[in-house]
Amino acid sequence: MKRKPEQIVNADTKVGQLAGEAIVETVENQLRDNTLPEAKQALDRLIKLGETRENAIRYIASVLSVEIFETLSSGTTYNNERYIRNLNALPKLPDE
């Protein structure tokens, strides 16, 4: 019997839910389109470490959300090198 995937985002507010779902959709697009091979490498590595696919996506989405927050809060542009560095460090999450 195939396991039903668990819900990836479970936010307390509607706005938080929508934001989380948008970030997860971005991660899923990166994986599907292979626009960032490091995202797929992080997914594979986390699954090999025993994480479910859903939890691995949560890890990757957390790294992306930190990058988005950093960009918005500092007024700087998106830093792909930092994003990749943080993906490569998973399961250690970046310092927020």
PDB file of N, CA and C in Angstrom:
ATOM      1  N   MET A   1       0.838  -1.178   0.000  1.00  0.00           N
ATOM      2  CA  MET A   1       0.000   0.000   0.000  1.00  0.00           C
ATOM      3  C   MET A   1       0.887   1.247   0.000  1.00  0.00           C
ATOM      4  N   LYS A   2       0.621   2.129  -0.931  1.00  0.00           N
ATOM      5  CA  LYS A   2       1.426   3.339  -1.062  1.00  0.00           C
ATOM      6  C   LYS A   2       1.044   4.343   0.018  1.00  0.00           C
ATOM      7  N   ARG A   3       2.040   4.950   0.620  1.00  0.00           N
ATOM      8  CA  ARG A   3       1.840   5.933   1.671  1.00  0.00           C
ATOM      9  C   ARG A   3       1.340   7.243   1.080  1.00  0.00           C
ATOM     10  N   LYS A   4       0.314   7.824   1.710  1.00  0.00           N
ATOM     11  CA  LYS A   4      -0.206   9.111   1.261  1.00  0.00           C
ATOM     12  C   LYS A   4       0.768  10.197   1.708  1.00  0.00           C
ATOM     13  N   PRO A   5       1.187  11.088   0.782  1.00  0.00           N
ATOM     14  CA  PRO A   5       2.114  12.151   1.172  1.00  0.00           C
ATOM     15  C   PRO A   5       1.496  13.053   2.231  1.00  0.00           C
ATOM     16  N   GLU A   6       2.306  13.467   3.178  1.00  0.00           N
ATOM     17  CA  GLU A   6       1.811  14.377   4.206  1.00  0.00           C
ATOM     18  C   GLU A   6       1.825  15.808   3.674  1.00  0.00           C
ATOM     19  N   GLN A   7       0.999  16.634   4.288  1.00  0.00           N
ATOM     20  CA  GLN A   7       0.953  18.035   3.901  1.00  0.00           C
ATOM     21  C   GLN A   7       2.277  18.682   4.293  1.00  0.00           C
ATOM     22  N   ILE A   8       2.871  19.412   3.380  1.00  0.00           N
ATOM     23  CA  ILE A   8       4.185  20.005   3.633  1.00  0.00           C
ATOM     24  C   ILE A   8       4.073  21.268   4.467  1.00  0.00           C
ATOM     25  N   VAL A   9       3.118  22.131   4.136  1.00  0.00           N
ATOM     26  CA  VAL A   9       2.958  23.406   4.842  1.00  0.00           C
ATOM     27  C   VAL A   9       1.745  23.306   5.748  1.00  0.00           C
ATOM     28  N   ASN A  10       1.916  23.756   6.993  1.00  0.00           N
ATOM     29  CA  ASN A  10       0.820  23.781   7.948  1.00  0.00           C
ATOM     30  C   ASN A  10       0.987  25.021   8.819  1.00  0.00           C
ATOM     31  N   ALA A  11       0.687  26.177   8.241  1.00  0.00           N
ATOM     32  CA  ALA A  11       0.889  27.451   8.932  1.00  0.00           C
ATOM     33  C   ALA A  11      -0.322  27.800   9.791  1.00  0.00           C
ATOM     34  N   ASP A  12      -0.093  28.710  10.736  1.00  0.00           N
ATOM     35  CA  ASP A  12      -1.145  29.141  11.650  1.00  0.00           C
ATOM     36  C   ASP A  12      -2.098  30.165  11.036  1.00  0.00           C
ATOM     37  N   THR A  13      -1.653  30.854   9.997  1.00  0.00           N
ATOM     38  CA  THR A  13      -2.476  31.892   9.383  1.00  0.00           C
ATOM     39  C   THR A  13      -2.636  31.608   7.892  1.00  0.00           C
ATOM     40  N   LYS A  14      -3.673  32.194   7.313  1.00  0.00           N
ATOM     41  CA  LYS A  14      -3.908  32.014   5.880  1.00  0.00           C
ATOM     42  C   LYS A  14      -2.755  32.614   5.075  1.00  0.00           C
ATOM     43  N   VAL A  15      -2.285  33.796   5.489  1.00  0.00           N
ATOM     44  CA  VAL A  15      -1.167  34.438   4.787  1.00  0.00           C
ATOM     45  C   VAL A  15       0.089  33.574   4.896  1.00  0.00           C
ATOM     46  N   GLY A  16       0.352  33.056   6.072  1.00  0.00           N
ATOM     47  CA  GLY A  16       1.504  32.176   6.260  1.00  0.00           C
ATOM     48  C   GLY A  16       1.393  30.914   5.434  1.00  0.00           C
ATOM     49  N   GLN A  17       0.190  30.364   5.359  1.00  0.00           N
ATOM     50  CA  GLN A  17      -0.040  29.157   4.553  1.00  0.00           C
ATOM     51  C   GLN A  17       0.234  29.442   3.088  1.00  0.00           C
ATOM     52  N   LEU A  18      -0.304  30.554   2.591  1.00  0.00           N
ATOM     53  CA  LEU A  18      -0.099  30.908   1.188  1.00  0.00           C
ATOM     54  C   LEU A  18       1.371  31.165   0.879  1.00  0.00           C
ATOM     55  N   ALA A  19       2.053  31.870   1.776  1.00  0.00           N
ATOM     56  CA  ALA A  19       3.480  32.138   1.573  1.00  0.00           C
ATOM     57  C   ALA A  19       4.274  30.837   1.572  1.00  0.00           C
ATOM     58  N   GLY A  20       3.977  29.970   2.520  1.00  0.00           N
ATOM     59  CA  GLY A  20       4.666  28.687   2.594  1.00  0.00           C
ATOM     60  C   GLY A  20       4.427  27.836   1.359  1.00  0.00           C
ATOM     61  N   GLU A  21       3.197  27.814   0.895  1.00  0.00           N
ATOM     62  CA  GLU A  21       2.880  27.045  -0.306  1.00  0.00           C
ATOM     63  C   GLU A  21       3.596  27.606  -1.535  1.00  0.00           C
ATOM     64  N   ALA A  22       3.734  28.927  -1.612  1.00  0.00           N
ATOM     65  CA  ALA A  22       4.449  29.542  -2.740  1.00  0.00           C
ATOM     66  C   ALA A  22       5.925  29.164  -2.707  1.00  0.00           C
ATOM     67  N   ILE A  23       6.508  29.126  -1.522  1.00  0.00           N
ATOM     68  CA  ILE A  23       7.916  28.750  -1.398  1.00  0.00           C
ATOM     69  C   ILE A  23       8.102  27.280  -1.764  1.00  0.00           C
ATOM     70  N   VAL A  24       7.217  26.419  -1.288  1.00  0.00           N
ATOM     71  CA  VAL A  24       7.299  24.990  -1.627  1.00  0.00           C
ATOM     72  C   VAL A  24       7.121  24.803  -3.127  1.00  0.00           C
ATOM     73  N   GLU A  25       6.199  25.551  -3.733  1.00  0.00           N
ATOM     74  CA  GLU A  25       6.005  25.453  -5.180  1.00  0.00           C
ATOM     75  C   GLU A  25       7.271  25.861  -5.931  1.00  0.00           C
ATOM     76  N   THR A  26       7.957  26.874  -5.441  1.00  0.00           N
ATOM     77  CA  THR A  26       9.218  27.303  -6.053  1.00  0.00           C
ATOM     78  C   THR A  26      10.258  26.186  -5.966  1.00  0.00           C
ATOM     79  N   VAL A  27      10.350  25.554  -4.801  1.00  0.00           N
ATOM     80  CA  VAL A  27      11.282  24.438  -4.631  1.00  0.00           C
ATOM     81  C   VAL A  27      10.917  23.298  -5.581  1.00  0.00           C
ATOM     82  N   GLU A  28       9.644  22.958  -5.638  1.00  0.00           N
ATOM     83  CA  GLU A  28       9.204  21.872  -6.535  1.00  0.00           C
ATOM     84  C   GLU A  28       9.530  22.214  -7.986  1.00  0.00           C
ATOM     85  N   ASN A  29       9.373  23.482  -8.374  1.00  0.00           N
ATOM     86  CA  ASN A  29       9.721  23.908  -9.740  1.00  0.00           C
ATOM     87  C   ASN A  29      11.218  23.769  -9.988  1.00  0.00           C
ATOM     88  N   GLN A  30      12.037  24.155  -9.009  1.00  0.00           N
ATOM     89  CA  GLN A  30      13.495  24.000  -9.152  1.00  0.00           C
ATOM     90  C   GLN A  30      13.843  22.530  -9.364  1.00  0.00           C
ATOM     91  N   LEU A  31      13.185  21.657  -8.614  1.00  0.00           N
ATOM     92  CA  LEU A  31      13.467  20.226  -8.733  1.00  0.00           C
ATOM     93  C   LEU A  31      12.992  19.684 -10.073  1.00  0.00           C
ATOM     94  N   ARG A  32      11.786  20.044 -10.464  1.00  0.00           N
ATOM     95  CA  ARG A  32      11.218  19.547 -11.718  1.00  0.00           C
ATOM     96  C   ARG A  32      12.015  20.025 -12.926  1.00  0.00           C
ATOM     97  N   ASP A  33      12.361  21.312 -12.934  1.00  0.00           N
ATOM     98  CA  ASP A  33      13.032  21.912 -14.086  1.00  0.00           C
ATOM     99  C   ASP A  33      14.551  21.777 -14.032  1.00  0.00           C
ATOM    100  N   ASN A  34      15.067  21.307 -12.905  1.00  0.00           N
ATOM    101  CA  ASN A  34      16.506  21.185 -12.676  1.00  0.00           C
ATOM    102  C   ASN A  34      17.236  22.505 -12.924  1.00  0.00           C
ATOM    103  N   THR A  35      16.591  23.603 -12.515  1.00  0.00           N
ATOM    104  CA  THR A  35      17.211  24.920 -12.680  1.00  0.00           C
ATOM    105  C   THR A  35      18.309  25.155 -11.656  1.00  0.00           C
ATOM    106  N   LEU A  36      18.277  24.373 -10.584  1.00  0.00           N
ATOM    107  CA  LEU A  36      19.303  24.469  -9.561  1.00  0.00           C
ATOM    108  C   LEU A  36      19.658  23.046  -9.118  1.00  0.00           C
ATOM    109  N   PRO A  37      20.648  22.430  -9.763  1.00  0.00           N
ATOM    110  CA  PRO A  37      20.987  21.036  -9.454  1.00  0.00           C
ATOM    111  C   PRO A  37      21.280  20.808  -7.968  1.00  0.00           C
ATOM    112  N   GLU A  38      21.759  21.821  -7.288  1.00  0.00           N
ATOM    113  CA  GLU A  38      22.069  21.683  -5.860  1.00  0.00           C
ATOM    114  C   GLU A  38      20.819  21.401  -5.026  1.00  0.00           C
ATOM    115  N   ALA A  39      19.667  21.863  -5.488  1.00  0.00           N
ATOM    116  CA  ALA A  39      18.417  21.564  -4.781  1.00  0.00           C
ATOM    117  C   ALA A  39      18.125  20.064  -4.858  1.00  0.00           C
ATOM    118  N   LYS A  40      18.277  19.484  -6.037  1.00  0.00           N
ATOM    119  CA  LYS A  40      18.066  18.031  -6.198  1.00  0.00           C
ATOM    120  C   LYS A  40      19.103  17.248  -5.402  1.00  0.00           C
ATOM    121  N   GLN A  41      20.340  17.708  -5.402  1.00  0.00           N
ATOM    122  CA  GLN A  41      21.384  17.045  -4.623  1.00  0.00           C
ATOM    123  C   GLN A  41      21.049  17.082  -3.132  1.00  0.00           C
ATOM    124  N   ALA A  42      20.542  18.224  -2.663  1.00  0.00           N
ATOM    125  CA  ALA A  42      20.155  18.342  -1.256  1.00  0.00           C
ATOM    126  C   ALA A  42      18.997  17.402  -0.945  1.00  0.00           C
ATOM    127  N   LEU A  43      18.012  17.344  -1.830  1.00  0.00           N
ATOM    128  CA  LEU A  43      16.873  16.441  -1.642  1.00  0.00           C
ATOM    129  C   LEU A  43      17.347  15.002  -1.535  1.00  0.00           C
ATOM    130  N   ASP A  44      18.167  14.574  -2.482  1.00  0.00           N
ATOM    131  CA  ASP A  44      18.669  13.191  -2.469  1.00  0.00           C
ATOM    132  C   ASP A  44      19.470  12.898  -1.207  1.00  0.00           C
ATOM    133  N   ARG A  45      20.316  13.846  -0.806  1.00  0.00           N
ATOM    134  CA  ARG A  45      21.145  13.652   0.389  1.00  0.00           C
ATOM    135  C   ARG A  45      20.274  13.519   1.638  1.00  0.00           C
ATOM    136  N   LEU A  46      19.278  14.376   1.780  1.00  0.00           N
ATOM    137  CA  LEU A  46      18.412  14.330   2.953  1.00  0.00           C
ATOM    138  C   LEU A  46      17.612  13.032   3.003  1.00  0.00           C
ATOM    139  N   ILE A  47      17.149  12.573   1.863  1.00  0.00           N
ATOM    140  CA  ILE A  47      16.412  11.311   1.826  1.00  0.00           C
ATOM    141  C   ILE A  47      17.337  10.152   2.203  1.00  0.00           C
ATOM    142  N   LYS A  48      18.579  10.185   1.730  1.00  0.00           N
ATOM    143  CA  LYS A  48      19.548   9.138   2.106  1.00  0.00           C
ATOM    144  C   LYS A  48      19.837   9.161   3.602  1.00  0.00           C
ATOM    145  N   LEU A  49      19.700  10.336   4.217  1.00  0.00           N
ATOM    146  CA  LEU A  49      19.900  10.457   5.658  1.00  0.00           C
ATOM    147  C   LEU A  49      18.681  10.008   6.463  1.00  0.00           C
ATOM    148  N   GLY A  50      17.612   9.620   5.747  1.00  0.00           N
ATOM    149  CA  GLY A  50      16.437   9.084   6.429  1.00  0.00           C
ATOM    150  C   GLY A  50      15.240  10.016   6.495  1.00  0.00           C
ATOM    151  N   GLU A  51      15.335  11.186   5.911  1.00  0.00           N
ATOM    152  CA  GLU A  51      14.194  12.109   5.903  1.00  0.00           C
ATOM    153  C   GLU A  51      13.162  11.657   4.871  1.00  0.00           C
ATOM    154  N   THR A  52      11.894  11.935   5.152  1.00  0.00           N
ATOM    155  CA  THR A  52      10.867  11.719   4.147  1.00  0.00           C
ATOM    156  C   THR A  52      11.054  12.777   3.064  1.00  0.00           C
ATOM    157  N   ARG A  53      10.465  12.556   1.895  1.00  0.00           N
ATOM    158  CA  ARG A  53      10.545  13.560   0.834  1.00  0.00           C
ATOM    159  C   ARG A  53       9.922  14.868   1.312  1.00  0.00           C
ATOM    160  N   GLU A  54       8.793  14.766   2.013  1.00  0.00           N
ATOM    161  CA  GLU A  54       8.108  15.966   2.490  1.00  0.00           C
ATOM    162  C   GLU A  54       8.990  16.768   3.452  1.00  0.00           C
ATOM    163  N   ASN A  55       9.660  16.081   4.364  1.00  0.00           N
ATOM    164  CA  ASN A  55      10.510  16.782   5.317  1.00  0.00           C
ATOM    165  C   ASN A  55      11.744  17.358   4.616  1.00  0.00           C
ATOM    166  N   ALA A  56      12.274  16.630   3.642  1.00  0.00           N
ATOM    167  CA  ALA A  56      13.407  17.155   2.874  1.00  0.00           C
ATOM    168  C   ALA A  56      12.998  18.434   2.145  1.00  0.00           C
ATOM    169  N   ILE A  57      11.792  18.453   1.587  1.00  0.00           N
ATOM    170  CA  ILE A  57      11.295  19.658   0.926  1.00  0.00           C
ATOM    171  C   ILE A  57      11.178  20.790   1.947  1.00  0.00           C
ATOM    172  N   ARG A  58      10.736  20.471   3.154  1.00  0.00           N
ATOM    173  CA  ARG A  58      10.662  21.493   4.211  1.00  0.00           C
ATOM    174  C   ARG A  58      12.040  22.095   4.495  1.00  0.00           C
ATOM    175  N   TYR A  59      13.056  21.257   4.566  1.00  0.00           N
ATOM    176  CA  TYR A  59      14.419  21.755   4.780  1.00  0.00           C
ATOM    177  C   TYR A  59      14.823  22.721   3.663  1.00  0.00           C
ATOM    178  N   ILE A  60      14.612  22.302   2.430  1.00  0.00           N
ATOM    179  CA  ILE A  60      15.001  23.135   1.287  1.00  0.00           C
ATOM    180  C   ILE A  60      14.191  24.431   1.281  1.00  0.00           C
ATOM    181  N   ALA A  61      12.892  24.324   1.562  1.00  0.00           N
ATOM    182  CA  ALA A  61      12.043  25.511   1.613  1.00  0.00           C
ATOM    183  C   ALA A  61      12.488  26.452   2.728  1.00  0.00           C
ATOM    184  N   SER A  62      12.967  25.904   3.831  1.00  0.00           N
ATOM    185  CA  SER A  62      13.478  26.747   4.919  1.00  0.00           C
ATOM    186  C   SER A  62      14.685  27.552   4.462  1.00  0.00           C
ATOM    187  N   VAL A  63      15.569  26.906   3.724  1.00  0.00           N
ATOM    188  CA  VAL A  63      16.749  27.602   3.210  1.00  0.00           C
ATOM    189  C   VAL A  63      16.324  28.707   2.237  1.00  0.00           C
ATOM    190  N   LEU A  64      15.361  28.401   1.378  1.00  0.00           N
ATOM    191  CA  LEU A  64      14.884  29.415   0.439  1.00  0.00           C
ATOM    192  C   LEU A  64      14.201  30.564   1.171  1.00  0.00           C
ATOM    193  N   SER A  65      13.425  30.252   2.202  1.00  0.00           N
ATOM    194  CA  SER A  65      12.745  31.320   2.941  1.00  0.00           C
ATOM    195  C   SER A  65      13.739  32.211   3.662  1.00  0.00           C
ATOM    196  N   VAL A  66      14.832  31.647   4.165  1.00  0.00           N
ATOM    197  CA  VAL A  66      15.879  32.463   4.785  1.00  0.00           C
ATOM    198  C   VAL A  66      16.485  33.397   3.748  1.00  0.00           C
ATOM    199  N   GLU A  67      16.716  32.899   2.548  1.00  0.00           N
ATOM    200  CA  GLU A  67      17.280  33.738   1.482  1.00  0.00           C
ATOM    201  C   GLU A  67      16.310  34.857   1.106  1.00  0.00           C
ATOM    202  N   ILE A  68      15.031  34.529   1.009  1.00  0.00           N
ATOM    203  CA  ILE A  68      14.029  35.550   0.696  1.00  0.00           C
ATOM    204  C   ILE A  68      13.978  36.596   1.805  1.00  0.00           C
ATOM    205  N   PHE A  69      13.948  36.142   3.057  1.00  0.00           N
ATOM    206  CA  PHE A  69      13.914  37.078   4.182  1.00  0.00           C
ATOM    207  C   PHE A  69      15.136  37.987   4.173  1.00  0.00           C
ATOM    208  N   GLU A  70      16.302  37.396   3.956  1.00  0.00           N
ATOM    209  CA  GLU A  70      17.550  38.176   3.931  1.00  0.00           C
ATOM    210  C   GLU A  70      17.503  39.237   2.838  1.00  0.00           C
ATOM    211  N   THR A  71      17.002  38.856   1.685  1.00  0.00           N
ATOM    212  CA  THR A  71      16.899  39.785   0.560  1.00  0.00           C
ATOM    213  C   THR A  71      15.950  40.936   0.893  1.00  0.00           C
ATOM    214  N   LEU A  72      14.794  40.608   1.442  1.00  0.00           N
ATOM    215  CA  LEU A  72      13.806  41.638   1.756  1.00  0.00           C
ATOM    216  C   LEU A  72      14.233  42.526   2.919  1.00  0.00           C
ATOM    217  N   SER A  73      14.815  41.924   3.947  1.00  0.00           N
ATOM    218  CA  SER A  73      15.161  42.712   5.135  1.00  0.00           C
ATOM    219  C   SER A  73      16.388  43.593   4.932  1.00  0.00           C
ATOM    220  N   SER A  74      17.295  43.180   4.074  1.00  0.00           N
ATOM    221  CA  SER A  74      18.518  43.957   3.874  1.00  0.00           C
ATOM    222  C   SER A  74      18.457  44.845   2.639  1.00  0.00           C
ATOM    223  N   GLY A  75      17.437  44.636   1.812  1.00  0.00           N
ATOM    224  CA  GLY A  75      17.312  45.423   0.596  1.00  0.00           C
ATOM    225  C   GLY A  75      18.347  45.076  -0.459  1.00  0.00           C
ATOM    226  N   THR A  76      18.936  43.894  -0.336  1.00  0.00           N
ATOM    227  CA  THR A  76      19.936  43.456  -1.306  1.00  0.00           C
ATOM    228  C   THR A  76      19.294  42.529  -2.327  1.00  0.00           C
ATOM    229  N   THR A  77      20.051  42.147  -3.315  1.00  0.00           N
ATOM    230  CA  THR A  77      19.541  41.220  -4.318  1.00  0.00           C
ATOM    231  C   THR A  77      19.727  39.782  -3.840  1.00  0.00           C
ATOM    232  N   TYR A  78      18.983  38.907  -4.467  1.00  0.00           N
ATOM    233  CA  TYR A  78      19.070  37.475  -4.200  1.00  0.00           C
ATOM    234  C   TYR A  78      20.509  37.019  -4.375  1.00  0.00           C
ATOM    235  N   ASN A  79      20.998  36.207  -3.421  1.00  0.00           N
ATOM    236  CA  ASN A  79      22.380  35.745  -3.439  1.00  0.00           C
ATOM    237  C   ASN A  79      22.392  34.237  -3.705  1.00  0.00           C
ATOM    238  N   ASN A  80      22.542  33.848  -4.964  1.00  0.00           N
ATOM    239  CA  ASN A  80      22.510  32.443  -5.337  1.00  0.00           C
ATOM    240  C   ASN A  80      23.635  31.650  -4.684  1.00  0.00           C
ATOM    241  N   GLU A  81      24.808  32.249  -4.548  1.00  0.00           N
ATOM    242  CA  GLU A  81      25.931  31.539  -3.906  1.00  0.00           C
ATOM    243  C   GLU A  81      25.615  31.204  -2.454  1.00  0.00           C
ATOM    244  N   ARG A  82      24.998  32.134  -1.739  1.00  0.00           N
ATOM    245  CA  ARG A  82      24.636  31.880  -0.340  1.00  0.00           C
ATOM    246  C   ARG A  82      23.558  30.799  -0.275  1.00  0.00           C
ATOM    247  N   TYR A  83      22.587  30.865  -1.190  1.00  0.00           N
ATOM    248  CA  TYR A  83      21.521  29.861  -1.225  1.00  0.00           C
ATOM    249  C   TYR A  83      22.118  28.467  -1.453  1.00  0.00           C
ATOM    250  N   ILE A  84      23.013  28.345  -2.404  1.00  0.00           N
ATOM    251  CA  ILE A  84      23.661  27.058  -2.683  1.00  0.00           C
ATOM    252  C   ILE A  84      24.499  26.603  -1.487  1.00  0.00           C
ATOM    253  N   ARG A  85      25.232  27.514  -0.891  1.00  0.00           N
ATOM    254  CA  ARG A  85      26.039  27.173   0.296  1.00  0.00           C
ATOM    255  C   ARG A  85      25.146  26.620   1.410  1.00  0.00           C
ATOM    256  N   ASN A  86      23.995  27.250   1.623  1.00  0.00           N
ATOM    257  CA  ASN A  86      23.071  26.788   2.655  1.00  0.00           C
ATOM    258  C   ASN A  86      22.417  25.455   2.282  1.00  0.00           C
ATOM    259  N   LEU A  87      22.133  25.253   0.996  1.00  0.00           N
ATOM    260  CA  LEU A  87      21.619  23.948   0.556  1.00  0.00           C
ATOM    261  C   LEU A  87      22.646  22.855   0.824  1.00  0.00           C
ATOM    262  N   ASN A  88      23.896  23.143   0.529  1.00  0.00           N
ATOM    263  CA  ASN A  88      24.957  22.152   0.711  1.00  0.00           C
ATOM    264  C   ASN A  88      25.203  21.824   2.178  1.00  0.00           C
ATOM    265  N   ALA A  89      24.806  22.723   3.086  1.00  0.00           N
ATOM    266  CA  ALA A  89      25.004  22.502   4.511  1.00  0.00           C
ATOM    267  C   ALA A  89      23.870  21.698   5.158  1.00  0.00           C
ATOM    268  N   LEU A  90      22.758  21.523   4.437  1.00  0.00           N
ATOM    269  CA  LEU A  90      21.632  20.784   5.015  1.00  0.00           C
ATOM    270  C   LEU A  90      22.055  19.369   5.400  1.00  0.00           C
ATOM    271  N   PRO A  91      21.608  18.843   6.517  1.00  0.00           N
ATOM    272  CA  PRO A  91      20.465  19.243   7.296  1.00  0.00           C
ATOM    273  C   PRO A  91      20.707  20.363   8.316  1.00  0.00           C
ATOM    274  N   LYS A  92      21.911  20.886   8.378  1.00  0.00           N
ATOM    275  CA  LYS A  92      22.122  22.040   9.251  1.00  0.00           C
ATOM    276  C   LYS A  92      21.440  23.243   8.621  1.00  0.00           C
ATOM    277  N   LEU A  93      20.557  23.850   9.389  1.00  0.00           N
ATOM    278  CA  LEU A  93      19.850  25.020   8.878  1.00  0.00           C
ATOM    279  C   LEU A  93      20.696  26.264   9.035  1.00  0.00           C
ATOM    280  N   PRO A  94      20.517  27.229   8.133  1.00  0.00           N
ATOM    281  CA  PRO A  94      21.306  28.465   8.224  1.00  0.00           C
ATOM    282  C   PRO A  94      20.929  29.258   9.474  1.00  0.00           C
ATOM    283  N   ASP A  95      21.875  30.021   9.970  1.00  0.00           N
ATOM    284  CA  ASP A  95      21.587  30.927  11.088  1.00  0.00           C
ATOM    285  C   ASP A  95      20.683  32.009  10.560  1.00  0.00           C
ATOM    286  N   GLU A  96      19.636  32.282  11.288  1.00  0.00           N
ATOM    287  CA  GLU A  96      18.696  33.302  10.820  1.00  0.00           C
ATOM    288  C   GLU A  96      19.050  34.643  11.393  1.00  0.00           C
TER     289      GLU A  96
END
